[in-house]
């Protein structure tokens, strides 16, 4: 299997489950979610169909689990990029650069996580909303701790939405390798919404 840098699976997770998530990532990368079958996933994971059903009820459940695993990794990157010794604006810029760098490391998985998840309808949307809320909460905490001014949760969510739209533009234009260009406008957006220039 090729390297899915965004997908650094939990070493404590069951080995077969981890292999199935990676198998899902590879299968969807090759065929798209709609065309991917459970047979494709288990072939990529080198496990049996029975093993798949021991961990997931449906193909959709597997994609949501993949989305959750990759999102946890992205949030970990955000948290590790924070250096309380630096001012909050530098922390925001560093965290944004680290986050976008992690996502750009695998354009195919990035496309799957930003676009294919929405093909699941309400289940995919709910998964996306959970992750967006975690990122918004992270922004509120960083700005509040470093800026000394509370950022309204709905404004933090607006920041997340704006950054997501910028990332989607880069995905749709096949320019993910240039995703670091989003760091400057995303940082300006946070500063503007948080009330600084």
N, C-alpha and C. Protein backbone atom coordinates (compact mmCIF):
# COMPACT_ATOMS: atom_id res chain seq x y z
N UNK A 1 0.84 -1.19 0.00
CA UNK A 1 0.00 0.00 0.00
C UNK A 1 0.88 1.24 0.00
N UNK A 2 0.39 2.30 -0.63
CA UNK A 2 1.16 3.54 -0.68
C UNK A 2 0.98 4.33 0.61
N UNK A 3 1.76 5.36 0.75
CA UNK A 3 1.78 6.14 1.99
C UNK A 3 0.60 7.09 2.06
N UNK A 4 -0.23 6.94 3.07
CA UNK A 4 -1.32 7.88 3.32
C UNK A 4 -0.93 8.69 4.54
N UNK A 5 -0.21 9.78 4.30
CA UNK A 5 0.39 10.55 5.38
C UNK A 5 -0.64 11.14 6.33
N UNK A 6 -1.82 11.50 5.83
CA UNK A 6 -2.83 12.07 6.70
C UNK A 6 -3.38 10.99 7.62
N UNK A 7 -3.30 9.76 7.19
CA UNK A 7 -3.92 8.65 7.89
C UNK A 7 -2.91 7.94 8.77
N UNK A 8 -2.60 8.52 9.89
CA UNK A 8 -1.70 7.90 10.87
C UNK A 8 -2.60 7.26 11.90
N UNK A 9 -2.86 5.97 11.73
CA UNK A 9 -3.86 5.30 12.54
C UNK A 9 -3.38 5.06 13.96
N UNK A 10 -4.33 4.99 14.86
CA UNK A 10 -4.07 4.77 16.28
C UNK A 10 -3.38 3.42 16.47
N UNK A 11 -2.15 3.42 17.01
CA UNK A 11 -1.44 2.16 17.18
C UNK A 11 -2.16 1.21 18.14
N UNK A 12 -3.02 1.75 18.99
CA UNK A 12 -3.76 0.91 19.93
C UNK A 12 -5.00 0.29 19.30
N UNK A 13 -5.36 0.72 18.11
CA UNK A 13 -6.55 0.20 17.46
C UNK A 13 -6.30 -1.24 17.00
N UNK A 14 -7.37 -1.97 16.86
CA UNK A 14 -7.29 -3.35 16.37
C UNK A 14 -6.63 -3.35 15.00
N UNK A 15 -5.68 -4.26 14.79
CA UNK A 15 -4.91 -4.28 13.54
C UNK A 15 -5.80 -4.43 12.31
N UNK A 16 -6.79 -5.31 12.38
CA UNK A 16 -7.66 -5.50 11.21
C UNK A 16 -8.48 -4.24 10.91
N UNK A 17 -8.93 -3.58 11.94
CA UNK A 17 -9.70 -2.34 11.74
C UNK A 17 -8.82 -1.29 11.06
N UNK A 18 -7.59 -1.15 11.53
CA UNK A 18 -6.66 -0.20 10.92
C UNK A 18 -6.41 -0.55 9.45
N UNK A 19 -6.23 -1.84 9.18
CA UNK A 19 -6.01 -2.26 7.79
C UNK A 19 -7.24 -1.99 6.94
N UNK A 20 -8.43 -2.18 7.50
CA UNK A 20 -9.65 -1.90 6.74
C UNK A 20 -9.78 -0.42 6.43
N UNK A 21 -9.43 0.43 7.37
CA UNK A 21 -9.50 1.88 7.11
C UNK A 21 -8.51 2.27 6.01
N UNK A 22 -7.32 1.71 6.08
CA UNK A 22 -6.35 2.00 5.03
C UNK A 22 -6.81 1.41 3.70
N UNK A 23 -7.40 0.23 3.75
CA UNK A 23 -7.97 -0.38 2.55
C UNK A 23 -9.06 0.48 1.94
N UNK A 24 -9.91 1.04 2.79
CA UNK A 24 -10.95 1.96 2.32
C UNK A 24 -10.32 3.18 1.65
N UNK A 25 -9.30 3.73 2.27
CA UNK A 25 -8.62 4.91 1.70
C UNK A 25 -8.08 4.60 0.31
N UNK A 26 -7.44 3.46 0.16
CA UNK A 26 -6.86 3.08 -1.13
C UNK A 26 -7.94 2.80 -2.18
N UNK A 27 -8.98 2.08 -1.77
CA UNK A 27 -10.04 1.74 -2.72
C UNK A 27 -10.76 2.99 -3.21
N UNK A 28 -11.08 3.89 -2.29
CA UNK A 28 -11.78 5.12 -2.68
C UNK A 28 -10.87 6.00 -3.53
N UNK A 29 -9.58 6.01 -3.21
CA UNK A 29 -8.63 6.78 -4.02
C UNK A 29 -8.60 6.27 -5.45
N UNK A 30 -8.72 4.96 -5.61
CA UNK A 30 -8.63 4.36 -6.94
C UNK A 30 -9.94 4.47 -7.73
N UNK A 31 -11.09 4.35 -7.05
CA UNK A 31 -12.35 4.22 -7.77
C UNK A 31 -13.41 5.26 -7.41
N UNK A 32 -13.18 6.03 -6.33
CA UNK A 32 -14.24 6.90 -5.84
C UNK A 32 -15.15 6.10 -4.92
N UNK A 33 -15.82 6.77 -4.00
CA UNK A 33 -16.64 6.08 -3.02
C UNK A 33 -17.79 5.32 -3.67
N UNK A 34 -18.49 5.95 -4.59
CA UNK A 34 -19.68 5.33 -5.18
C UNK A 34 -19.35 4.00 -5.86
N UNK A 35 -18.18 3.91 -6.49
CA UNK A 35 -17.81 2.69 -7.22
C UNK A 35 -17.07 1.66 -6.35
N UNK A 36 -16.68 2.08 -5.16
CA UNK A 36 -15.96 1.16 -4.27
C UNK A 36 -16.92 0.15 -3.68
N UNK A 37 -16.49 -1.11 -3.66
CA UNK A 37 -17.29 -2.18 -3.07
C UNK A 37 -16.58 -2.71 -1.83
N UNK A 38 -17.31 -3.45 -1.04
CA UNK A 38 -16.69 -4.07 0.13
C UNK A 38 -15.61 -5.04 -0.32
N UNK A 39 -15.83 -5.69 -1.46
CA UNK A 39 -14.80 -6.58 -2.01
C UNK A 39 -13.50 -5.82 -2.28
N UNK A 40 -13.63 -4.59 -2.80
CA UNK A 40 -12.44 -3.76 -3.04
C UNK A 40 -11.71 -3.45 -1.74
N UNK A 41 -12.49 -3.10 -0.72
CA UNK A 41 -11.90 -2.72 0.57
C UNK A 41 -11.15 -3.89 1.18
N UNK A 42 -11.79 -5.07 1.21
CA UNK A 42 -11.14 -6.21 1.85
C UNK A 42 -9.94 -6.69 1.04
N UNK A 43 -9.99 -6.53 -0.28
CA UNK A 43 -8.84 -6.90 -1.10
C UNK A 43 -7.66 -5.98 -0.78
N UNK A 44 -7.92 -4.68 -0.72
CA UNK A 44 -6.86 -3.71 -0.38
C UNK A 44 -6.31 -3.96 1.02
N UNK A 45 -7.18 -4.37 1.95
CA UNK A 45 -6.77 -4.58 3.33
C UNK A 45 -6.18 -5.96 3.58
N UNK A 46 -6.31 -6.84 2.59
CA UNK A 46 -5.85 -8.23 2.73
C UNK A 46 -6.50 -8.93 3.93
N UNK A 47 -7.80 -8.74 4.04
CA UNK A 47 -8.58 -9.43 5.08
C UNK A 47 -9.83 -10.02 4.42
N UNK A 48 -10.57 -10.80 5.19
CA UNK A 48 -11.78 -11.43 4.65
C UNK A 48 -12.98 -10.50 4.77
N UNK A 49 -14.00 -10.83 4.01
CA UNK A 49 -15.27 -10.09 4.09
C UNK A 49 -15.85 -10.24 5.51
N UNK A 50 -15.69 -11.42 6.08
CA UNK A 50 -16.18 -11.65 7.44
C UNK A 50 -15.50 -10.69 8.41
N UNK A 51 -14.19 -10.49 8.24
CA UNK A 51 -13.46 -9.55 9.10
C UNK A 51 -14.02 -8.14 8.95
N UNK A 52 -14.36 -7.76 7.71
CA UNK A 52 -14.97 -6.44 7.50
C UNK A 52 -16.21 -6.30 8.37
N UNK A 53 -17.08 -7.29 8.32
CA UNK A 53 -18.35 -7.21 9.05
C UNK A 53 -18.19 -7.36 10.56
N UNK A 54 -17.04 -7.81 11.00
CA UNK A 54 -16.76 -7.81 12.44
C UNK A 54 -16.51 -6.39 12.94
N UNK A 55 -16.13 -5.49 12.03
CA UNK A 55 -15.78 -4.13 12.43
C UNK A 55 -16.76 -3.06 11.94
N UNK A 56 -17.38 -3.31 10.80
CA UNK A 56 -18.28 -2.31 10.21
C UNK A 56 -19.55 -2.97 9.70
N UNK A 57 -20.66 -2.27 9.83
CA UNK A 57 -21.93 -2.79 9.31
C UNK A 57 -22.06 -2.55 7.82
N UNK A 58 -21.54 -1.40 7.38
CA UNK A 58 -21.70 -1.00 5.98
C UNK A 58 -20.44 -0.32 5.48
N UNK A 59 -20.39 -0.13 4.18
CA UNK A 59 -19.31 0.62 3.55
C UNK A 59 -19.31 2.06 4.08
N UNK A 60 -20.50 2.62 4.28
CA UNK A 60 -20.61 3.99 4.80
C UNK A 60 -20.00 4.10 6.19
N UNK A 61 -20.25 3.11 7.05
CA UNK A 61 -19.66 3.12 8.39
C UNK A 61 -18.14 3.15 8.32
N UNK A 62 -17.59 2.41 7.36
CA UNK A 62 -16.14 2.37 7.19
C UNK A 62 -15.60 3.73 6.75
N UNK A 63 -16.31 4.39 5.82
CA UNK A 63 -15.86 5.71 5.37
C UNK A 63 -15.93 6.73 6.51
N UNK A 64 -16.99 6.68 7.30
CA UNK A 64 -17.09 7.60 8.44
C UNK A 64 -15.96 7.35 9.43
N UNK A 65 -15.64 6.08 9.66
CA UNK A 65 -14.52 5.75 10.57
C UNK A 65 -13.20 6.27 10.01
N UNK A 66 -13.01 6.15 8.70
CA UNK A 66 -11.81 6.69 8.05
C UNK A 66 -11.75 8.20 8.23
N UNK A 67 -12.87 8.86 7.99
CA UNK A 67 -12.97 10.32 8.15
C UNK A 67 -12.62 10.71 9.58
N UNK A 68 -13.19 9.99 10.56
CA UNK A 68 -12.92 10.30 11.96
C UNK A 68 -11.45 10.12 12.31
N UNK A 69 -10.84 9.03 11.81
CA UNK A 69 -9.42 8.77 12.10
C UNK A 69 -8.52 9.85 11.52
N UNK A 70 -8.76 10.20 10.26
CA UNK A 70 -7.95 11.23 9.62
C UNK A 70 -8.17 12.59 10.28
N UNK A 71 -9.41 12.87 10.69
CA UNK A 71 -9.71 14.14 11.34
C UNK A 71 -9.04 14.24 12.71
N UNK A 72 -9.01 13.13 13.45
CA UNK A 72 -8.30 13.12 14.74
C UNK A 72 -6.83 13.44 14.53
N UNK A 73 -6.25 12.89 13.47
CA UNK A 73 -4.84 13.17 13.18
C UNK A 73 -4.63 14.64 12.85
N UNK A 74 -5.55 15.23 12.08
CA UNK A 74 -5.43 16.64 11.72
C UNK A 74 -5.56 17.52 12.97
N UNK A 75 -6.47 17.18 13.86
CA UNK A 75 -6.63 17.94 15.10
C UNK A 75 -5.39 17.80 15.99
N UNK A 76 -4.78 16.63 15.97
CA UNK A 76 -3.55 16.42 16.74
C UNK A 76 -2.44 17.34 16.20
N UNK A 77 -2.36 17.45 14.88
CA UNK A 77 -1.38 18.34 14.26
C UNK A 77 -1.63 19.78 14.71
N UNK A 78 -2.88 20.20 14.73
CA UNK A 78 -3.22 21.56 15.18
C UNK A 78 -2.75 21.78 16.62
N UNK A 79 -3.11 20.85 17.48
CA UNK A 79 -2.76 21.02 18.91
C UNK A 79 -1.25 21.04 19.14
N UNK A 80 -0.53 20.19 18.40
CA UNK A 80 0.92 20.12 18.59
C UNK A 80 1.64 21.35 18.04
N UNK A 81 0.98 22.10 17.17
CA UNK A 81 1.61 23.29 16.58
C UNK A 81 1.51 24.51 17.49
N UNK A 82 0.76 24.39 18.57
CA UNK A 82 0.57 25.52 19.49
C UNK A 82 1.77 25.64 20.43
N UNK A 83 2.28 26.85 20.51
CA UNK A 83 3.39 27.16 21.41
C UNK A 83 2.96 28.35 22.27
N UNK A 84 2.50 28.11 23.49
CA UNK A 84 2.00 29.19 24.34
C UNK A 84 3.00 30.31 24.59
N UNK A 85 4.28 30.05 24.34
CA UNK A 85 5.29 31.09 24.54
C UNK A 85 5.21 32.16 23.45
N UNK A 86 4.55 31.83 22.34
CA UNK A 86 4.43 32.79 21.23
C UNK A 86 3.10 33.51 21.33
N UNK A 87 2.99 34.67 20.66
CA UNK A 87 1.72 35.39 20.70
C UNK A 87 0.66 34.61 19.91
N UNK A 88 -0.60 34.87 20.22
CA UNK A 88 -1.68 34.06 19.67
C UNK A 88 -1.75 34.13 18.15
N UNK A 89 -1.39 35.27 17.56
CA UNK A 89 -1.44 35.39 16.09
C UNK A 89 -0.40 34.46 15.44
N UNK A 90 0.79 34.38 16.03
CA UNK A 90 1.81 33.47 15.50
C UNK A 90 1.38 32.02 15.69
N UNK A 91 0.72 31.74 16.83
CA UNK A 91 0.22 30.39 17.07
C UNK A 91 -0.81 29.99 16.01
N UNK A 92 -1.70 30.92 15.70
CA UNK A 92 -2.73 30.64 14.68
C UNK A 92 -2.07 30.36 13.34
N UNK A 93 -1.09 31.17 12.98
CA UNK A 93 -0.41 30.98 11.69
C UNK A 93 0.35 29.65 11.65
N UNK A 94 1.06 29.34 12.73
CA UNK A 94 1.80 28.07 12.79
C UNK A 94 0.87 26.87 12.73
N UNK A 95 -0.23 26.94 13.49
CA UNK A 95 -1.18 25.83 13.51
C UNK A 95 -1.83 25.65 12.14
N UNK A 96 -2.18 26.75 11.51
CA UNK A 96 -2.80 26.68 10.18
C UNK A 96 -1.83 26.08 9.17
N UNK A 97 -0.57 26.51 9.21
CA UNK A 97 0.43 25.99 8.29
C UNK A 97 0.65 24.49 8.51
N UNK A 98 0.70 24.07 9.76
CA UNK A 98 0.90 22.64 10.06
C UNK A 98 -0.31 21.82 9.60
N UNK A 99 -1.49 22.31 9.86
CA UNK A 99 -2.73 21.63 9.48
C UNK A 99 -2.84 21.47 7.97
N UNK A 100 -2.62 22.56 7.25
CA UNK A 100 -2.71 22.51 5.79
C UNK A 100 -1.59 21.66 5.20
N UNK A 101 -0.42 21.69 5.83
CA UNK A 101 0.68 20.85 5.37
C UNK A 101 0.36 19.37 5.51
N UNK A 102 -0.26 19.01 6.62
CA UNK A 102 -0.64 17.61 6.84
C UNK A 102 -1.68 17.17 5.81
N UNK A 103 -2.61 18.06 5.52
CA UNK A 103 -3.65 17.71 4.54
C UNK A 103 -3.07 17.61 3.13
N UNK A 104 -2.19 18.52 2.80
CA UNK A 104 -1.61 18.53 1.45
C UNK A 104 -0.70 17.34 1.21
N UNK A 105 -0.27 16.67 2.29
CA UNK A 105 0.63 15.53 2.15
C UNK A 105 0.00 14.38 1.38
N UNK A 106 -1.33 14.34 1.33
CA UNK A 106 -2.00 13.29 0.56
C UNK A 106 -3.24 13.85 -0.13
N UNK A 107 -3.07 14.36 -1.35
CA UNK A 107 -4.18 14.99 -2.07
C UNK A 107 -5.37 14.06 -2.32
N UNK A 108 -5.10 12.79 -2.56
CA UNK A 108 -6.20 11.87 -2.86
C UNK A 108 -7.06 11.64 -1.63
N UNK A 109 -6.42 11.42 -0.48
CA UNK A 109 -7.18 11.24 0.75
C UNK A 109 -7.89 12.53 1.12
N UNK A 110 -7.24 13.67 0.90
CA UNK A 110 -7.86 14.95 1.19
C UNK A 110 -9.16 15.11 0.40
N UNK A 111 -9.13 14.78 -0.87
CA UNK A 111 -10.33 14.87 -1.71
C UNK A 111 -11.43 13.94 -1.17
N UNK A 112 -11.03 12.74 -0.78
CA UNK A 112 -11.99 11.80 -0.22
C UNK A 112 -12.66 12.38 1.02
N UNK A 113 -11.86 12.96 1.89
CA UNK A 113 -12.39 13.46 3.16
C UNK A 113 -13.20 14.74 3.00
N UNK A 114 -12.89 15.55 2.03
CA UNK A 114 -13.64 16.79 1.85
C UNK A 114 -14.86 16.63 0.95
N UNK A 115 -14.79 15.72 -0.02
CA UNK A 115 -15.86 15.62 -1.01
C UNK A 115 -16.66 14.33 -0.85
N UNK A 116 -15.98 13.19 -0.80
CA UNK A 116 -16.69 11.91 -0.76
C UNK A 116 -17.55 11.76 0.49
N UNK A 117 -17.12 12.30 1.62
CA UNK A 117 -17.89 12.17 2.86
C UNK A 117 -19.28 12.76 2.71
N UNK A 118 -19.41 13.81 1.91
CA UNK A 118 -20.71 14.45 1.74
C UNK A 118 -21.66 13.59 0.92
N UNK A 119 -21.11 12.63 0.15
CA UNK A 119 -21.94 11.72 -0.61
C UNK A 119 -22.73 10.76 0.27
N UNK A 120 -22.42 10.72 1.55
CA UNK A 120 -23.14 9.84 2.47
C UNK A 120 -24.43 10.47 2.97
N UNK A 121 -24.68 11.72 2.58
CA UNK A 121 -25.91 12.37 3.03
C UNK A 121 -25.82 12.78 4.49
N UNK A 122 -26.93 12.63 5.24
CA UNK A 122 -26.97 13.10 6.63
C UNK A 122 -25.88 12.50 7.52
N UNK A 123 -25.52 11.24 7.30
CA UNK A 123 -24.47 10.61 8.13
C UNK A 123 -23.12 11.29 7.89
N UNK A 124 -22.78 11.53 6.64
CA UNK A 124 -21.52 12.20 6.31
C UNK A 124 -21.51 13.64 6.78
N UNK A 125 -22.64 14.31 6.62
CA UNK A 125 -22.75 15.69 7.07
C UNK A 125 -22.58 15.78 8.58
N UNK A 126 -23.17 14.84 9.31
CA UNK A 126 -23.04 14.84 10.77
C UNK A 126 -21.58 14.64 11.18
N UNK A 127 -20.87 13.73 10.49
CA UNK A 127 -19.46 13.51 10.79
C UNK A 127 -18.66 14.78 10.53
N UNK A 128 -18.95 15.43 9.41
CA UNK A 128 -18.23 16.67 9.06
C UNK A 128 -18.51 17.76 10.07
N UNK A 129 -19.77 17.86 10.50
CA UNK A 129 -20.12 18.89 11.48
C UNK A 129 -19.42 18.67 12.82
N UNK A 130 -19.30 17.39 13.24
CA UNK A 130 -18.59 17.09 14.49
C UNK A 130 -17.15 17.59 14.43
N UNK A 131 -16.50 17.31 13.32
CA UNK A 131 -15.10 17.72 13.17
C UNK A 131 -15.00 19.24 13.10
N UNK A 132 -15.87 19.87 12.32
CA UNK A 132 -15.85 21.33 12.23
C UNK A 132 -16.05 21.97 13.60
N UNK A 133 -16.92 21.37 14.42
CA UNK A 133 -17.15 21.90 15.76
C UNK A 133 -15.89 21.78 16.62
N UNK A 134 -15.19 20.67 16.51
CA UNK A 134 -13.94 20.51 17.27
C UNK A 134 -12.91 21.55 16.86
N UNK A 135 -12.82 21.82 15.57
CA UNK A 135 -11.86 22.82 15.09
C UNK A 135 -12.27 24.21 15.56
N UNK A 136 -13.57 24.51 15.50
CA UNK A 136 -14.07 25.81 15.97
C UNK A 136 -13.78 25.98 17.46
N UNK A 137 -14.01 24.94 18.25
CA UNK A 137 -13.71 25.00 19.68
C UNK A 137 -12.22 25.25 19.93
N UNK A 138 -11.39 24.63 19.10
CA UNK A 138 -9.93 24.82 19.19
C UNK A 138 -9.59 26.30 18.93
N UNK A 139 -10.19 26.89 17.90
CA UNK A 139 -9.94 28.30 17.58
C UNK A 139 -10.37 29.19 18.73
N UNK A 140 -11.54 28.93 19.30
CA UNK A 140 -12.03 29.73 20.44
C UNK A 140 -11.02 29.67 21.58
N UNK A 141 -10.51 28.47 21.87
CA UNK A 141 -9.56 28.31 22.98
C UNK A 141 -8.25 29.05 22.72
N UNK A 142 -7.71 28.93 21.51
CA UNK A 142 -6.43 29.57 21.20
C UNK A 142 -6.55 31.09 21.22
N UNK A 143 -7.60 31.60 20.60
CA UNK A 143 -7.79 33.05 20.56
C UNK A 143 -8.07 33.57 21.96
N UNK A 144 -8.91 32.87 22.72
CA UNK A 144 -9.24 33.32 24.07
C UNK A 144 -8.03 33.32 25.00
N UNK A 145 -7.22 32.27 24.91
CA UNK A 145 -6.05 32.16 25.79
C UNK A 145 -4.98 33.18 25.43
N UNK A 146 -4.78 33.41 24.15
CA UNK A 146 -3.68 34.28 23.73
C UNK A 146 -4.05 35.73 23.54
N UNK A 147 -5.31 35.96 23.18
CA UNK A 147 -5.75 37.31 22.85
C UNK A 147 -6.42 37.98 24.05
N UNK A 148 -6.85 37.15 25.00
CA UNK A 148 -7.51 37.70 26.18
C UNK A 148 -8.91 38.20 25.89
N UNK A 149 -9.43 37.84 24.75
CA UNK A 149 -10.78 38.28 24.38
C UNK A 149 -11.53 37.05 23.87
N UNK A 150 -12.74 36.88 24.37
CA UNK A 150 -13.52 35.72 23.96
C UNK A 150 -13.98 35.87 22.51
N UNK A 151 -13.85 34.81 21.77
CA UNK A 151 -14.35 34.76 20.39
C UNK A 151 -15.65 33.98 20.41
N UNK A 152 -16.70 34.58 19.88
CA UNK A 152 -18.01 33.93 19.87
C UNK A 152 -17.93 32.62 19.08
N UNK A 153 -18.53 31.56 19.60
CA UNK A 153 -18.46 30.25 18.92
C UNK A 153 -18.96 30.30 17.47
N UNK A 154 -20.01 31.09 17.20
CA UNK A 154 -20.51 31.15 15.82
C UNK A 154 -19.52 31.84 14.88
N UNK A 155 -18.72 32.74 15.41
CA UNK A 155 -17.69 33.37 14.58
C UNK A 155 -16.54 32.39 14.31
N UNK A 156 -16.22 31.58 15.30
CA UNK A 156 -15.20 30.55 15.08
C UNK A 156 -15.67 29.57 14.02
N UNK A 157 -16.94 29.21 14.04
CA UNK A 157 -17.47 28.30 13.02
C UNK A 157 -17.44 28.97 11.65
N UNK A 158 -17.68 30.27 11.59
CA UNK A 158 -17.59 30.99 10.31
C UNK A 158 -16.16 30.94 9.77
N UNK A 159 -15.18 31.03 10.65
CA UNK A 159 -13.77 30.91 10.24
C UNK A 159 -13.53 29.53 9.64
N UNK A 160 -13.99 28.49 10.34
CA UNK A 160 -13.81 27.12 9.85
C UNK A 160 -14.45 26.97 8.48
N UNK A 161 -15.67 27.49 8.33
CA UNK A 161 -16.36 27.40 7.04
C UNK A 161 -15.60 28.10 5.93
N UNK A 162 -15.07 29.28 6.24
CA UNK A 162 -14.30 30.02 5.24
C UNK A 162 -13.05 29.29 4.80
N UNK A 163 -12.33 28.73 5.77
CA UNK A 163 -11.11 27.99 5.45
C UNK A 163 -11.45 26.73 4.66
N UNK A 164 -12.52 26.04 5.06
CA UNK A 164 -12.95 24.85 4.31
C UNK A 164 -13.25 25.18 2.86
N UNK A 165 -13.89 26.30 2.61
CA UNK A 165 -14.20 26.69 1.23
C UNK A 165 -12.94 26.98 0.43
N UNK A 166 -11.96 27.61 1.07
CA UNK A 166 -10.68 27.85 0.38
C UNK A 166 -10.00 26.52 0.04
N UNK A 167 -10.01 25.58 0.98
CA UNK A 167 -9.41 24.27 0.73
C UNK A 167 -10.15 23.57 -0.42
N UNK A 168 -11.47 23.64 -0.42
CA UNK A 168 -12.25 23.02 -1.49
C UNK A 168 -11.88 23.60 -2.86
N UNK A 169 -11.67 24.89 -2.92
CA UNK A 169 -11.25 25.51 -4.19
C UNK A 169 -9.95 24.89 -4.69
N UNK A 170 -9.01 24.72 -3.80
CA UNK A 170 -7.72 24.15 -4.19
C UNK A 170 -7.89 22.69 -4.63
N UNK A 171 -8.77 21.95 -3.95
CA UNK A 171 -9.02 20.56 -4.35
C UNK A 171 -9.64 20.53 -5.75
N UNK A 172 -10.67 21.34 -5.96
CA UNK A 172 -11.38 21.34 -7.24
C UNK A 172 -10.49 21.80 -8.39
N UNK A 173 -9.52 22.66 -8.10
CA UNK A 173 -8.61 23.16 -9.14
C UNK A 173 -7.35 22.30 -9.26
N UNK A 174 -7.31 21.18 -8.56
CA UNK A 174 -6.13 20.30 -8.55
C UNK A 174 -4.86 21.07 -8.20
N UNK A 175 -4.95 21.88 -7.15
CA UNK A 175 -3.81 22.70 -6.72
C UNK A 175 -3.45 22.43 -5.26
N UNK A 176 -3.73 21.21 -4.80
CA UNK A 176 -3.49 20.89 -3.39
C UNK A 176 -2.02 21.08 -3.01
N UNK A 177 -1.12 20.89 -3.97
CA UNK A 177 0.31 21.08 -3.65
C UNK A 177 0.62 22.54 -3.29
N UNK A 178 -0.30 23.44 -3.58
CA UNK A 178 -0.13 24.86 -3.24
C UNK A 178 -1.00 25.28 -2.06
N UNK A 179 -1.46 24.32 -1.29
CA UNK A 179 -2.39 24.60 -0.19
C UNK A 179 -1.81 25.55 0.85
N UNK A 180 -0.48 25.62 0.96
CA UNK A 180 0.13 26.54 1.92
C UNK A 180 -0.20 28.00 1.60
N UNK A 181 -0.63 28.27 0.37
CA UNK A 181 -1.05 29.63 0.01
C UNK A 181 -2.27 30.08 0.82
N UNK A 182 -2.99 29.13 1.39
CA UNK A 182 -4.18 29.45 2.18
C UNK A 182 -3.80 29.96 3.57
N UNK A 183 -2.58 29.71 4.02
CA UNK A 183 -2.17 30.09 5.37
C UNK A 183 -2.34 31.59 5.60
N UNK A 184 -1.85 32.41 4.70
CA UNK A 184 -1.91 33.87 4.90
C UNK A 184 -3.35 34.38 4.95
N UNK A 185 -4.21 34.05 3.96
CA UNK A 185 -5.59 34.54 4.06
C UNK A 185 -6.35 33.96 5.26
N UNK A 186 -6.08 32.70 5.60
CA UNK A 186 -6.75 32.10 6.76
C UNK A 186 -6.33 32.82 8.04
N UNK A 187 -5.06 33.14 8.18
CA UNK A 187 -4.58 33.85 9.37
C UNK A 187 -5.16 35.26 9.43
N UNK A 188 -5.24 35.93 8.27
CA UNK A 188 -5.86 37.26 8.24
C UNK A 188 -7.33 37.18 8.64
N UNK A 189 -8.01 36.14 8.20
CA UNK A 189 -9.42 35.96 8.55
C UNK A 189 -9.58 35.82 10.06
N UNK A 190 -8.75 35.01 10.68
CA UNK A 190 -8.83 34.83 12.13
C UNK A 190 -8.58 36.15 12.84
N UNK A 191 -7.54 36.89 12.41
CA UNK A 191 -7.24 38.18 13.05
C UNK A 191 -8.38 39.16 12.87
N UNK A 192 -8.97 39.20 11.69
CA UNK A 192 -10.07 40.14 11.41
C UNK A 192 -11.30 39.80 12.26
N UNK A 193 -11.63 38.54 12.31
CA UNK A 193 -12.82 38.14 13.07
C UNK A 193 -12.59 38.30 14.57
N UNK A 194 -11.36 38.09 15.02
CA UNK A 194 -11.04 38.22 16.43
C UNK A 194 -10.89 39.67 16.86
N UNK A 195 -10.94 40.58 15.91
CA UNK A 195 -10.94 42.00 16.24
C UNK A 195 -9.61 42.69 16.25
N UNK A 196 -8.63 42.12 15.52
CA UNK A 196 -7.35 42.81 15.37
C UNK A 196 -7.10 43.03 13.90
N UNK A 197 -6.07 43.80 13.58
CA UNK A 197 -5.81 44.11 12.17
C UNK A 197 -4.74 43.25 11.63
